[in-house]
Amino acid sequence: MASSIARRVQKRRDALRAAGLRPVQIWVPDTRRPGFSEECRRQARLVAVSDRADRDLDAFLDAALDDLDRAPE
């Protein structure tokens, strides 16, 4: 049984590689880890303070939205 599953997985991987794709491993923060939520809040506060202090940010964001509005569909 396990060899049948392994063959099916290998066949799928081979098909993906033949389509020009390659596997990539991505490590992300463990959201279950103690302190994760507190760290997110801490970083969000730092960003908010920084954003409020950046006088050019609103103009930059408005210009970016204007560019999106003018983008061809």
PDB file of N, CA and C in Angstrom:
ATOM      1  N   MET A   1       0.825  -1.198   0.000  1.00  0.00           N
ATOM      2  CA  MET A   1       0.000   0.000   0.000  1.00  0.00           C
ATOM      3  C   MET A   1       0.862   1.252   0.000  1.00  0.00           C
ATOM      4  N   ALA A   2       1.847   1.301   0.891  1.00  0.00           N
ATOM      5  CA  ALA A   2       2.693   2.489   0.972  1.00  0.00           C
ATOM      6  C   ALA A   2       3.452   2.719  -0.323  1.00  0.00           C
ATOM      7  N   SER A   3       3.889   1.656  -0.977  1.00  0.00           N
ATOM      8  CA  SER A   3       4.624   1.817  -2.224  1.00  0.00           C
ATOM      9  C   SER A   3       3.710   2.362  -3.316  1.00  0.00           C
ATOM     10  N   SER A   4       2.439   2.005  -3.295  1.00  0.00           N
ATOM     11  CA  SER A   4       1.476   2.528  -4.262  1.00  0.00           C
ATOM     12  C   SER A   4       1.307   4.037  -4.077  1.00  0.00           C
ATOM     13  N   ILE A   5       1.208   4.471  -2.839  1.00  0.00           N
ATOM     14  CA  ILE A   5       1.083   5.899  -2.538  1.00  0.00           C
ATOM     15  C   ILE A   5       2.360   6.628  -2.942  1.00  0.00           C
ATOM     16  N   ALA A   6       3.495   6.042  -2.620  1.00  0.00           N
ATOM     17  CA  ALA A   6       4.772   6.660  -2.977  1.00  0.00           C
ATOM     18  C   ALA A   6       4.908   6.807  -4.488  1.00  0.00           C
ATOM     19  N   ARG A   7       4.468   5.813  -5.229  1.00  0.00           N
ATOM     20  CA  ARG A   7       4.525   5.894  -6.702  1.00  0.00           C
ATOM     21  C   ARG A   7       3.609   6.997  -7.226  1.00  0.00           C
ATOM     22  N   ARG A   8       2.421   7.104  -6.633  1.00  0.00           N
ATOM     23  CA  ARG A   8       1.476   8.146  -7.054  1.00  0.00           C
ATOM     24  C   ARG A   8       2.027   9.542  -6.758  1.00  0.00           C
ATOM     25  N   VAL A   9       2.617   9.708  -5.594  1.00  0.00           N
ATOM     26  CA  VAL A   9       3.218  10.992  -5.233  1.00  0.00           C
ATOM     27  C   VAL A   9       4.374  11.318  -6.174  1.00  0.00           C
ATOM     28  N   GLN A  10       5.210  10.328  -6.452  1.00  0.00           N
ATOM     29  CA  GLN A  10       6.340  10.556  -7.355  1.00  0.00           C
ATOM     30  C   GLN A  10       5.861  10.913  -8.758  1.00  0.00           C
ATOM     31  N   LYS A  11       4.809  10.251  -9.212  1.00  0.00           N
ATOM     32  CA  LYS A  11       4.248  10.549 -10.527  1.00  0.00           C
ATOM     33  C   LYS A  11       3.763  11.999 -10.588  1.00  0.00           C
ATOM     34  N   ARG A  12       3.096  12.433  -9.532  1.00  0.00           N
ATOM     35  CA  ARG A  12       2.611  13.828  -9.467  1.00  0.00           C
ATOM     36  C   ARG A  12       3.777  14.801  -9.461  1.00  0.00           C
ATOM     37  N   ARG A  13       4.797  14.527  -8.677  1.00  0.00           N
ATOM     38  CA  ARG A  13       5.980  15.393  -8.630  1.00  0.00           C
ATOM     39  C   ARG A  13       6.675  15.446  -9.984  1.00  0.00           C
ATOM     40  N   ASP A  14       6.775  14.308 -10.648  1.00  0.00           N
ATOM     41  CA  ASP A  14       7.391  14.267 -11.973  1.00  0.00           C
ATOM     42  C   ASP A  14       6.596  15.109 -12.963  1.00  0.00           C
ATOM     43  N   ALA A  15       5.267  15.039 -12.888  1.00  0.00           N
ATOM     44  CA  ALA A  15       4.417  15.823 -13.783  1.00  0.00           C
ATOM     45  C   ALA A  15       4.598  17.322 -13.531  1.00  0.00           C
ATOM     46  N   LEU A  16       4.687  17.687 -12.274  1.00  0.00           N
ATOM     47  CA  LEU A  16       4.893  19.103 -11.947  1.00  0.00           C
ATOM     48  C   LEU A  16       6.254  19.586 -12.447  1.00  0.00           C
ATOM     49  N   ARG A  17       7.274  18.764 -12.268  1.00  0.00           N
ATOM     50  CA  ARG A  17       8.602  19.137 -12.773  1.00  0.00           C
ATOM     51  C   ARG A  17       8.588  19.252 -14.292  1.00  0.00           C
ATOM     52  N   ALA A  18       7.895  18.337 -14.954  1.00  0.00           N
ATOM     53  CA  ALA A  18       7.792  18.377 -16.416  1.00  0.00           C
ATOM     54  C   ALA A  18       7.076  19.644 -16.882  1.00  0.00           C
ATOM     55  N   ALA A  19       6.217  20.186 -16.035  1.00  0.00           N
ATOM     56  CA  ALA A  19       5.501  21.421 -16.352  1.00  0.00           C
ATOM     57  C   ALA A  19       6.348  22.653 -16.053  1.00  0.00           C
ATOM     58  N   GLY A  20       7.603  22.433 -15.627  1.00  0.00           N
ATOM     59  CA  GLY A  20       8.502  23.556 -15.362  1.00  0.00           C
ATOM     60  C   GLY A  20       8.471  24.063 -13.942  1.00  0.00           C
ATOM     61  N   LEU A  21       7.878  23.317 -13.040  1.00  0.00           N
ATOM     62  CA  LEU A  21       7.809  23.736 -11.634  1.00  0.00           C
ATOM     63  C   LEU A  21       8.845  22.986 -10.821  1.00  0.00           C
ATOM     64  N   ARG A  22       9.176  23.547  -9.673  1.00  0.00           N
ATOM     65  CA  ARG A  22      10.090  22.870  -8.765  1.00  0.00           C
ATOM     66  C   ARG A  22       9.597  23.038  -7.335  1.00  0.00           C
ATOM     67  N   PRO A  23       9.886  22.072  -6.478  1.00  0.00           N
ATOM     68  CA  PRO A  23       9.423  22.178  -5.085  1.00  0.00           C
ATOM     69  C   PRO A  23      10.230  23.221  -4.316  1.00  0.00           C
ATOM     70  N   VAL A  24       9.553  23.913  -3.421  1.00  0.00           N
ATOM     71  CA  VAL A  24      10.190  24.916  -2.576  1.00  0.00           C
ATOM     72  C   VAL A  24       9.681  24.709  -1.151  1.00  0.00           C
ATOM     73  N   GLN A  25      10.583  24.742  -0.212  1.00  0.00           N
ATOM     74  CA  GLN A  25      10.191  24.613   1.190  1.00  0.00           C
ATOM     75  C   GLN A  25      10.163  26.010   1.797  1.00  0.00           C
ATOM     76  N   ILE A  26       9.062  26.342   2.452  1.00  0.00           N
ATOM     77  CA  ILE A  26       8.900  27.660   3.063  1.00  0.00           C
ATOM     78  C   ILE A  26       8.673  27.481   4.560  1.00  0.00           C
ATOM     79  N   TRP A  27       9.472  28.171   5.342  1.00  0.00           N
ATOM     80  CA  TRP A  27       9.320  28.145   6.793  1.00  0.00           C
ATOM     81  C   TRP A  27       8.557  29.395   7.210  1.00  0.00           C
ATOM     82  N   VAL A  28       7.548  29.210   8.018  1.00  0.00           N
ATOM     83  CA  VAL A  28       6.735  30.326   8.492  1.00  0.00           C
ATOM     84  C   VAL A  28       6.676  30.291  10.016  1.00  0.00           C
ATOM     85  N   PRO A  29       6.375  31.418  10.640  1.00  0.00           N
ATOM     86  CA  PRO A  29       6.274  31.423  12.100  1.00  0.00           C
ATOM     87  C   PRO A  29       5.189  30.465  12.583  1.00  0.00           C
ATOM     88  N   ASP A  30       5.436  29.833  13.718  1.00  0.00           N
ATOM     89  CA  ASP A  30       4.471  28.927  14.320  1.00  0.00           C
ATOM     90  C   ASP A  30       3.457  29.755  15.108  1.00  0.00           C
ATOM     91  N   THR A  31       2.257  29.867  14.563  1.00  0.00           N
ATOM     92  CA  THR A  31       1.224  30.696  15.194  1.00  0.00           C
ATOM     93  C   THR A  31       0.721  30.109  16.501  1.00  0.00           C
ATOM     94  N   ARG A  32       1.070  28.853  16.788  1.00  0.00           N
ATOM     95  CA  ARG A  32       0.635  28.212  18.039  1.00  0.00           C
ATOM     96  C   ARG A  32       1.615  28.456  19.173  1.00  0.00           C
ATOM     97  N   ARG A  33       2.761  29.012  18.861  1.00  0.00           N
ATOM     98  CA  ARG A  33       3.805  29.208  19.857  1.00  0.00           C
ATOM     99  C   ARG A  33       3.391  30.265  20.886  1.00  0.00           C
ATOM    100  N   PRO A  34       3.668  30.007  22.155  1.00  0.00           N
ATOM    101  CA  PRO A  34       3.351  31.016  23.181  1.00  0.00           C
ATOM    102  C   PRO A  34       4.059  32.334  22.863  1.00  0.00           C
ATOM    103  N   GLY A  35       3.315  33.420  22.990  1.00  0.00           N
ATOM    104  CA  GLY A  35       3.894  34.739  22.752  1.00  0.00           C
ATOM    105  C   GLY A  35       3.737  35.223  21.321  1.00  0.00           C
ATOM    106  N   PHE A  36       3.255  34.360  20.425  1.00  0.00           N
ATOM    107  CA  PHE A  36       3.128  34.760  19.027  1.00  0.00           C
ATOM    108  C   PHE A  36       2.189  35.961  18.878  1.00  0.00           C
ATOM    109  N   SER A  37       1.010  35.890  19.488  1.00  0.00           N
ATOM    110  CA  SER A  37       0.030  36.978  19.369  1.00  0.00           C
ATOM    111  C   SER A  37       0.568  38.281  19.935  1.00  0.00           C
ATOM    112  N   GLU A  38       1.239  38.184  21.076  1.00  0.00           N
ATOM    113  CA  GLU A  38       1.797  39.389  21.691  1.00  0.00           C
ATOM    114  C   GLU A  38       2.848  40.015  20.786  1.00  0.00           C
ATOM    115  N   GLU A  39       3.674  39.189  20.155  1.00  0.00           N
ATOM    116  CA  GLU A  39       4.700  39.708  19.253  1.00  0.00           C
ATOM    117  C   GLU A  39       4.067  40.363  18.025  1.00  0.00           C
ATOM    118  N   CYS A  40       2.990  39.788  17.522  1.00  0.00           N
ATOM    119  CA  CYS A  40       2.273  40.404  16.401  1.00  0.00           C
ATOM    120  C   CYS A  40       1.739  41.782  16.789  1.00  0.00           C
ATOM    121  N   ARG A  41       1.156  41.862  17.966  1.00  0.00           N
ATOM    122  CA  ARG A  41       0.642  43.155  18.438  1.00  0.00           C
ATOM    123  C   ARG A  41       1.767  44.161  18.603  1.00  0.00           C
ATOM    124  N   ARG A  42       2.891  43.732  19.154  1.00  0.00           N
ATOM    125  CA  ARG A  42       4.034  44.630  19.356  1.00  0.00           C
ATOM    126  C   ARG A  42       4.514  45.186  18.013  1.00  0.00           C
ATOM    127  N   GLN A  43       4.654  44.298  17.027  1.00  0.00           N
ATOM    128  CA  GLN A  43       5.127  44.744  15.724  1.00  0.00           C
ATOM    129  C   GLN A  43       4.105  45.633  15.025  1.00  0.00           C
ATOM    130  N   ALA A  44       2.828  45.337  15.186  1.00  0.00           N
ATOM    131  CA  ALA A  44       1.780  46.160  14.581  1.00  0.00           C
ATOM    132  C   ALA A  44       1.791  47.565  15.174  1.00  0.00           C
ATOM    133  N   ARG A  45       2.020  47.657  16.491  1.00  0.00           N
ATOM    134  CA  ARG A  45       2.103  48.976  17.120  1.00  0.00           C
ATOM    135  C   ARG A  45       3.283  49.768  16.578  1.00  0.00           C
ATOM    136  N   LEU A  46       4.423  49.106  16.403  1.00  0.00           N
ATOM    137  CA  LEU A  46       5.602  49.781  15.846  1.00  0.00           C
ATOM    138  C   LEU A  46       5.337  50.298  14.433  1.00  0.00           C
ATOM    139  N   VAL A  47       4.666  49.505  13.640  1.00  0.00           N
ATOM    140  CA  VAL A  47       4.345  49.926  12.274  1.00  0.00           C
ATOM    141  C   VAL A  47       3.380  51.107  12.304  1.00  0.00           C
ATOM    142  N   ALA A  48       2.374  51.043  13.166  1.00  0.00           N
ATOM    143  CA  ALA A  48       1.395  52.130  13.251  1.00  0.00           C
ATOM    144  C   ALA A  48       2.064  53.431  13.652  1.00  0.00           C
ATOM    145  N   VAL A  49       2.957  53.376  14.622  1.00  0.00           N
ATOM    146  CA  VAL A  49       3.678  54.583  15.058  1.00  0.00           C
ATOM    147  C   VAL A  49       4.526  55.117  13.913  1.00  0.00           C
ATOM    148  N   SER A  50       5.200  54.232  13.227  1.00  0.00           N
ATOM    149  CA  SER A  50       6.044  54.636  12.106  1.00  0.00           C
ATOM    150  C   SER A  50       5.213  55.251  10.985  1.00  0.00           C
ATOM    151  N   ASP A  51       4.077  54.640  10.683  1.00  0.00           N
ATOM    152  CA  ASP A  51       3.207  55.168   9.630  1.00  0.00           C
ATOM    153  C   ASP A  51       2.692  56.567   9.964  1.00  0.00           C
ATOM    154  N   ARG A  52       2.327  56.774  11.231  1.00  0.00           N
ATOM    155  CA  ARG A  52       1.831  58.095  11.629  1.00  0.00           C
ATOM    156  C   ARG A  52       2.918  59.156  11.511  1.00  0.00           C
ATOM    157  N   ALA A  53       4.163  58.760  11.696  1.00  0.00           N
ATOM    158  CA  ALA A  53       5.271  59.710  11.638  1.00  0.00           C
ATOM    159  C   ALA A  53       5.723  59.997  10.205  1.00  0.00           C
ATOM    160  N   ASP A  54       5.307  59.184   9.247  1.00  0.00           N
ATOM    161  CA  ASP A  54       5.737  59.330   7.854  1.00  0.00           C
ATOM    162  C   ASP A  54       4.786  60.255   7.117  1.00  0.00           C
ATOM    163  N   ARG A  55       5.207  61.487   6.923  1.00  0.00           N
ATOM    164  CA  ARG A  55       4.342  62.486   6.295  1.00  0.00           C
ATOM    165  C   ARG A  55       4.109  62.206   4.809  1.00  0.00           C
ATOM    166  N   ASP A  56       4.992  61.471   4.168  1.00  0.00           N
ATOM    167  CA  ASP A  56       4.863  61.204   2.739  1.00  0.00           C
ATOM    168  C   ASP A  56       4.085  59.928   2.430  1.00  0.00           C
ATOM    169  N   LEU A  57       3.765  59.157   3.439  1.00  0.00           N
ATOM    170  CA  LEU A  57       3.130  57.859   3.209  1.00  0.00           C
ATOM    171  C   LEU A  57       1.772  57.979   2.538  1.00  0.00           C
ATOM    172  N   ASP A  58       0.924  58.882   3.018  1.00  0.00           N
ATOM    173  CA  ASP A  58      -0.410  59.019   2.424  1.00  0.00           C
ATOM    174  C   ASP A  58      -0.323  59.389   0.951  1.00  0.00           C
ATOM    175  N   ALA A  59       0.566  60.305   0.602  1.00  0.00           N
ATOM    176  CA  ALA A  59       0.720  60.696  -0.799  1.00  0.00           C
ATOM    177  C   ALA A  59       1.205  59.519  -1.636  1.00  0.00           C
ATOM    178  N   PHE A  60       2.131  58.747  -1.091  1.00  0.00           N
ATOM    179  CA  PHE A  60       2.638  57.579  -1.802  1.00  0.00           C
ATOM    180  C   PHE A  60       1.524  56.560  -2.046  1.00  0.00           C
ATOM    181  N   LEU A  61       0.735  56.278  -1.010  1.00  0.00           N
ATOM    182  CA  LEU A  61      -0.359  55.315  -1.148  1.00  0.00           C
ATOM    183  C   LEU A  61      -1.420  55.806  -2.123  1.00  0.00           C
ATOM    184  N   ASP A  62      -1.735  57.100  -2.078  1.00  0.00           N
ATOM    185  CA  ASP A  62      -2.699  57.661  -3.024  1.00  0.00           C
ATOM    186  C   ASP A  62      -2.195  57.529  -4.455  1.00  0.00           C
ATOM    187  N   ALA A  63      -0.916  57.796  -4.678  1.00  0.00           N
ATOM    188  CA  ALA A  63      -0.337  57.666  -6.018  1.00  0.00           C
ATOM    189  C   ALA A  63      -0.389  56.210  -6.484  1.00  0.00           C
ATOM    190  N   ALA A  64      -0.127  55.283  -5.585  1.00  0.00           N
ATOM    191  CA  ALA A  64      -0.181  53.864  -5.945  1.00  0.00           C
ATOM    192  C   ALA A  64      -1.603  53.469  -6.334  1.00  0.00           C
ATOM    193  N   LEU A  65      -2.593  53.951  -5.600  1.00  0.00           N
ATOM    194  CA  LEU A  65      -3.991  53.654  -5.942  1.00  0.00           C
ATOM    195  C   LEU A  65      -4.369  54.270  -7.277  1.00  0.00           C
ATOM    196  N   ASP A  66      -3.890  55.479  -7.548  1.00  0.00           N
ATOM    197  CA  ASP A  66      -4.146  56.104  -8.849  1.00  0.00           C
ATOM    198  C   ASP A  66      -3.576  55.255  -9.975  1.00  0.00           C
ATOM    199  N   ASP A  67      -2.375  54.726  -9.768  1.00  0.00           N
ATOM    200  CA  ASP A  67      -1.764  53.862 -10.779  1.00  0.00           C
ATOM    201  C   ASP A  67      -2.620  52.617 -11.021  1.00  0.00           C
ATOM    202  N   LEU A  68      -3.143  52.044  -9.953  1.00  0.00           N
ATOM    203  CA  LEU A  68      -3.998  50.862 -10.098  1.00  0.00           C
ATOM    204  C   LEU A  68      -5.274  51.192 -10.854  1.00  0.00           C
ATOM    205  N   ASP A  69      -5.850  52.366 -10.561  1.00  0.00           N
ATOM    206  CA  ASP A  69      -7.074  52.765 -11.236  1.00  0.00           C
ATOM    207  C   ASP A  69      -6.855  52.966 -12.737  1.00  0.00           C
ATOM    208  N   ARG A  70      -5.656  53.384 -13.106  1.00  0.00           N
ATOM    209  CA  ARG A  70      -5.344  53.632 -14.518  1.00  0.00           C
ATOM    210  C   ARG A  70      -4.799  52.406 -15.233  1.00  0.00           C
ATOM    211  N   ALA A  71      -4.604  51.328 -14.522  1.00  0.00           N
ATOM    212  CA  ALA A  71      -4.036  50.116 -15.126  1.00  0.00           C
ATOM    213  C   ALA A  71      -5.023  49.508 -16.115  1.00  0.00           C
ATOM    214  N   PRO A  72      -4.505  49.048 -17.259  1.00  0.00           N
ATOM    215  CA  PRO A  72      -5.399  48.396 -18.214  1.00  0.00           C
ATOM    216  C   PRO A  72      -5.947  47.082 -17.640  1.00  0.00           C
ATOM    217  N   GLU A  73      -7.132  46.766 -18.022  1.00  0.00           N
ATOM    218  CA  GLU A  73      -7.769  45.540 -17.489  1.00  0.00           C
ATOM    219  C   GLU A  73      -7.449  44.349 -18.284  1.00  0.00           C
TER     220      GLU A  73
END
